[in-house]
Amino acid sequence: MALILFLIIMALILIAAAIFAVMQKDLLFAVLATGIISVVLSVFFYVLQAPDVAITEAAIGIALTTIIFIITIRNTSRNEDEYTENHINKFDK
């Protein structure tokens, strides 16, 4: 019973992090949310008795991908706030 409750809570965290990542305008917070998704998936894989997949997900999903995205965001200009409806309407013509 405790395991089922734990898995339900982890699934809710997974869904919340996915929605947060999609709805977030700040790219850094969106990348951190995808890192949380990878952590939860690693725990799921471990609970499902697939430790090799869990370790791979932790190494690639949490560490490598998140670090590459953060370095990329750091090296580019961050102008999410300047992106308005005018930019969208410009391309609709």
N, C-alpha and C. Protein backbone atom coordinates (compact mmCIF):
# COMPACT_ATOMS: atom_id res chain seq x y z
N MET A 1 0.82 -1.20 0.00
CA MET A 1 0.00 0.00 0.00
C MET A 1 0.86 1.26 0.00
N ALA A 2 1.93 1.23 0.76
CA ALA A 2 2.82 2.40 0.82
C ALA A 2 3.52 2.62 -0.51
N LEU A 3 3.87 1.52 -1.19
CA LEU A 3 4.53 1.64 -2.48
C LEU A 3 3.59 2.26 -3.52
N ILE A 4 2.34 1.87 -3.50
CA ILE A 4 1.37 2.41 -4.45
C ILE A 4 1.16 3.90 -4.19
N LEU A 5 1.07 4.29 -2.93
CA LEU A 5 0.92 5.69 -2.58
C LEU A 5 2.14 6.49 -3.02
N PHE A 6 3.34 5.92 -2.82
CA PHE A 6 4.57 6.58 -3.24
C PHE A 6 4.59 6.76 -4.76
N LEU A 7 4.18 5.74 -5.51
CA LEU A 7 4.17 5.84 -6.97
C LEU A 7 3.15 6.86 -7.46
N ILE A 8 2.02 6.95 -6.79
CA ILE A 8 1.01 7.95 -7.17
C ILE A 8 1.53 9.35 -6.93
N ILE A 9 2.18 9.56 -5.79
CA ILE A 9 2.75 10.88 -5.49
C ILE A 9 3.84 11.23 -6.51
N MET A 10 4.68 10.26 -6.85
CA MET A 10 5.74 10.51 -7.84
C MET A 10 5.13 10.81 -9.22
N ALA A 11 4.05 10.13 -9.57
CA ALA A 11 3.39 10.39 -10.84
C ALA A 11 2.80 11.79 -10.88
N LEU A 12 2.23 12.24 -9.76
CA LEU A 12 1.70 13.59 -9.70
C LEU A 12 2.81 14.63 -9.81
N ILE A 13 3.95 14.35 -9.18
CA ILE A 13 5.10 15.25 -9.30
C ILE A 13 5.58 15.28 -10.75
N LEU A 14 5.60 14.13 -11.40
CA LEU A 14 6.01 14.05 -12.80
C LEU A 14 5.10 14.87 -13.70
N ILE A 15 3.79 14.74 -13.51
CA ILE A 15 2.84 15.50 -14.32
C ILE A 15 2.95 17.00 -14.04
N ALA A 16 3.10 17.36 -12.78
CA ALA A 16 3.22 18.78 -12.43
C ALA A 16 4.50 19.38 -13.02
N ALA A 17 5.60 18.66 -12.97
CA ALA A 17 6.85 19.16 -13.53
C ALA A 17 6.77 19.28 -15.04
N ALA A 18 6.08 18.35 -15.68
CA ALA A 18 5.92 18.42 -17.14
C ALA A 18 5.07 19.62 -17.54
N ILE A 19 3.99 19.86 -16.83
CA ILE A 19 3.15 21.02 -17.13
C ILE A 19 3.92 22.31 -16.85
N PHE A 20 4.68 22.34 -15.77
CA PHE A 20 5.48 23.52 -15.44
C PHE A 20 6.52 23.78 -16.52
N ALA A 21 7.16 22.73 -17.02
CA ALA A 21 8.19 22.90 -18.06
C ALA A 21 7.61 23.44 -19.34
N VAL A 22 6.41 23.00 -19.69
CA VAL A 22 5.79 23.46 -20.93
C VAL A 22 5.27 24.89 -20.79
N MET A 23 4.73 25.25 -19.64
CA MET A 23 4.11 26.56 -19.46
C MET A 23 5.10 27.66 -19.07
N GLN A 24 6.30 27.31 -18.67
CA GLN A 24 7.27 28.27 -18.17
C GLN A 24 7.83 29.12 -19.30
N LYS A 25 7.90 30.43 -19.08
CA LYS A 25 8.49 31.33 -20.07
C LYS A 25 9.99 31.48 -19.89
N ASP A 26 10.46 31.30 -18.68
CA ASP A 26 11.90 31.38 -18.42
C ASP A 26 12.53 30.04 -18.77
N LEU A 27 13.47 30.06 -19.69
CA LEU A 27 14.06 28.82 -20.18
C LEU A 27 14.83 28.07 -19.10
N LEU A 28 15.47 28.78 -18.20
CA LEU A 28 16.25 28.12 -17.15
C LEU A 28 15.36 27.30 -16.23
N PHE A 29 14.22 27.85 -15.86
CA PHE A 29 13.28 27.10 -15.01
C PHE A 29 12.68 25.91 -15.75
N ALA A 30 12.47 26.06 -17.06
CA ALA A 30 11.95 24.95 -17.85
C ALA A 30 12.96 23.81 -17.92
N VAL A 31 14.24 24.14 -18.05
CA VAL A 31 15.27 23.10 -18.07
C VAL A 31 15.38 22.42 -16.71
N LEU A 32 15.29 23.19 -15.64
CA LEU A 32 15.32 22.59 -14.31
C LEU A 32 14.11 21.67 -14.09
N ALA A 33 12.97 22.03 -14.64
CA ALA A 33 11.79 21.17 -14.53
C ALA A 33 12.01 19.86 -15.29
N THR A 34 12.66 19.92 -16.44
CA THR A 34 12.96 18.67 -17.16
C THR A 34 13.96 17.82 -16.39
N GLY A 35 14.84 18.45 -15.63
CA GLY A 35 15.73 17.69 -14.75
C GLY A 35 14.96 16.97 -13.66
N ILE A 36 13.93 17.63 -13.13
CA ILE A 36 13.08 16.99 -12.12
C ILE A 36 12.33 15.81 -12.73
N ILE A 37 11.89 15.98 -13.98
CA ILE A 37 11.23 14.87 -14.67
C ILE A 37 12.17 13.68 -14.78
N SER A 38 13.43 13.93 -15.10
CA SER A 38 14.40 12.84 -15.22
C SER A 38 14.66 12.16 -13.88
N VAL A 39 14.67 12.93 -12.80
CA VAL A 39 14.85 12.35 -11.47
C VAL A 39 13.70 11.40 -11.14
N VAL A 40 12.48 11.85 -11.40
CA VAL A 40 11.31 11.03 -11.10
C VAL A 40 11.31 9.77 -11.97
N LEU A 41 11.67 9.91 -13.25
CA LEU A 41 11.73 8.74 -14.11
C LEU A 41 12.80 7.76 -13.64
N SER A 42 13.93 8.26 -13.15
CA SER A 42 14.96 7.37 -12.62
C SER A 42 14.44 6.58 -11.42
N VAL A 43 13.68 7.25 -10.56
CA VAL A 43 13.11 6.56 -9.41
C VAL A 43 12.10 5.50 -9.87
N PHE A 44 11.28 5.85 -10.86
CA PHE A 44 10.33 4.87 -11.40
C PHE A 44 11.05 3.65 -11.95
N PHE A 45 12.09 3.86 -12.73
CA PHE A 45 12.83 2.73 -13.30
C PHE A 45 13.46 1.87 -12.21
N TYR A 46 13.95 2.51 -11.15
CA TYR A 46 14.56 1.75 -10.05
C TYR A 46 13.51 0.92 -9.32
N VAL A 47 12.34 1.52 -9.10
CA VAL A 47 11.26 0.79 -8.42
C VAL A 47 10.77 -0.37 -9.28
N LEU A 48 10.80 -0.20 -10.59
CA LEU A 48 10.38 -1.26 -11.50
C LEU A 48 11.48 -2.30 -11.74
N GLN A 49 12.50 -2.26 -10.92
CA GLN A 49 13.61 -3.22 -10.93
C GLN A 49 14.39 -3.20 -12.24
N ALA A 50 14.66 -1.99 -12.72
CA ALA A 50 15.52 -1.79 -13.89
C ALA A 50 16.63 -0.80 -13.50
N PRO A 51 17.56 -1.24 -12.64
CA PRO A 51 18.56 -0.28 -12.14
C PRO A 51 19.51 0.21 -13.22
N ASP A 52 19.78 -0.61 -14.24
CA ASP A 52 20.66 -0.15 -15.30
C ASP A 52 20.03 1.00 -16.10
N VAL A 53 18.73 0.91 -16.34
CA VAL A 53 18.03 1.99 -17.04
C VAL A 53 17.94 3.22 -16.14
N ALA A 54 17.76 3.01 -14.85
CA ALA A 54 17.68 4.12 -13.91
C ALA A 54 19.01 4.88 -13.86
N ILE A 55 20.11 4.15 -13.83
CA ILE A 55 21.42 4.81 -13.80
C ILE A 55 21.67 5.56 -15.10
N THR A 56 21.28 4.96 -16.22
CA THR A 56 21.46 5.64 -17.50
C THR A 56 20.61 6.89 -17.59
N GLU A 57 19.37 6.81 -17.14
CA GLU A 57 18.50 7.99 -17.13
C GLU A 57 19.06 9.07 -16.22
N ALA A 58 19.60 8.67 -15.10
CA ALA A 58 20.18 9.66 -14.18
C ALA A 58 21.41 10.32 -14.80
N ALA A 59 22.25 9.53 -15.43
CA ALA A 59 23.48 10.08 -16.00
C ALA A 59 23.20 10.97 -17.21
N ILE A 60 22.36 10.52 -18.09
CA ILE A 60 22.09 11.27 -19.32
C ILE A 60 21.03 12.33 -19.09
N GLY A 61 19.89 11.95 -18.54
CA GLY A 61 18.76 12.87 -18.40
C GLY A 61 19.00 13.97 -17.40
N ILE A 62 19.54 13.60 -16.25
CA ILE A 62 19.73 14.60 -15.20
C ILE A 62 21.01 15.38 -15.44
N ALA A 63 22.10 14.67 -15.58
CA ALA A 63 23.40 15.34 -15.61
C ALA A 63 23.72 15.94 -16.98
N LEU A 64 23.87 15.11 -17.97
CA LEU A 64 24.41 15.57 -19.26
C LEU A 64 23.46 16.53 -19.97
N THR A 65 22.22 16.15 -20.15
CA THR A 65 21.29 16.99 -20.90
C THR A 65 21.03 18.32 -20.20
N THR A 66 20.83 18.27 -18.91
CA THR A 66 20.56 19.50 -18.16
C THR A 66 21.76 20.43 -18.21
N ILE A 67 22.96 19.90 -18.06
CA ILE A 67 24.16 20.73 -18.11
C ILE A 67 24.34 21.35 -19.49
N ILE A 68 24.12 20.57 -20.54
CA ILE A 68 24.27 21.11 -21.90
C ILE A 68 23.25 22.22 -22.14
N PHE A 69 22.00 22.02 -21.72
CA PHE A 69 20.99 23.05 -21.91
C PHE A 69 21.31 24.31 -21.11
N ILE A 70 21.80 24.16 -19.88
CA ILE A 70 22.13 25.33 -19.06
C ILE A 70 23.30 26.09 -19.67
N ILE A 71 24.30 25.39 -20.16
CA ILE A 71 25.43 26.06 -20.82
C ILE A 71 24.96 26.80 -22.06
N THR A 72 24.07 26.18 -22.82
CA THR A 72 23.55 26.82 -24.03
C THR A 72 22.75 28.07 -23.69
N ILE A 73 21.90 27.99 -22.67
CA ILE A 73 21.12 29.16 -22.27
C ILE A 73 22.04 30.26 -21.77
N ARG A 74 23.08 29.90 -21.05
CA ARG A 74 24.01 30.89 -20.52
C ARG A 74 24.76 31.60 -21.64
N ASN A 75 25.07 30.89 -22.72
CA ASN A 75 25.85 31.46 -23.80
C ASN A 75 25.01 32.19 -24.85
N THR A 76 23.71 32.16 -24.73
CA THR A 76 22.85 32.90 -25.64
C THR A 76 22.20 34.05 -24.89
N SER A 77 21.63 34.97 -25.65
CA SER A 77 20.96 36.09 -25.00
C SER A 77 19.60 35.64 -24.49
N ARG A 78 19.25 36.11 -23.32
CA ARG A 78 17.98 35.72 -22.70
C ARG A 78 17.02 36.88 -22.82
N ASN A 79 16.20 36.86 -23.84
CA ASN A 79 15.23 37.94 -24.02
C ASN A 79 13.83 37.37 -24.15
N GLU A 80 13.44 36.54 -23.18
CA GLU A 80 12.08 36.01 -23.17
C GLU A 80 11.08 37.12 -22.86
N ASP A 81 11.50 38.10 -22.04
CA ASP A 81 10.59 39.16 -21.64
C ASP A 81 10.26 40.09 -22.80
N GLU A 82 11.15 40.22 -23.76
CA GLU A 82 10.94 41.12 -24.88
C GLU A 82 10.10 40.49 -25.97
N TYR A 83 9.79 39.22 -25.86
CA TYR A 83 9.03 38.51 -26.88
C TYR A 83 7.55 38.80 -26.68
N THR A 84 6.97 39.56 -27.57
CA THR A 84 5.57 39.97 -27.41
C THR A 84 4.73 39.46 -28.56
N GLU A 85 3.47 39.85 -28.54
CA GLU A 85 2.55 39.47 -29.60
C GLU A 85 2.96 40.08 -30.93
N ASN A 86 3.64 41.22 -30.91
CA ASN A 86 4.07 41.85 -32.16
C ASN A 86 5.01 40.95 -32.94
N HIS A 87 5.87 40.22 -32.25
CA HIS A 87 6.78 39.31 -32.92
C HIS A 87 6.03 38.16 -33.58
N ILE A 88 4.99 37.70 -32.92
CA ILE A 88 4.20 36.59 -33.47
C ILE A 88 3.42 37.06 -34.69
N ASN A 89 2.80 38.25 -34.59
CA ASN A 89 2.02 38.76 -35.71
C ASN A 89 2.87 39.08 -36.93
N LYS A 90 4.13 39.38 -36.73
CA LYS A 90 5.02 39.70 -37.82
C LYS A 90 5.20 38.48 -38.76
N PHE A 91 5.19 37.28 -38.20
CA PHE A 91 5.42 36.10 -38.99
C PHE A 91 4.13 35.50 -39.56
N ASP A 92 2.98 35.98 -39.14
CA ASP A 92 1.72 35.43 -39.63
C ASP A 92 1.34 35.95 -41.00
N LYS A 93 1.98 36.99 -41.47
CA LYS A 93 1.61 37.59 -42.76
C LYS A 93 1.95 36.73 -43.92
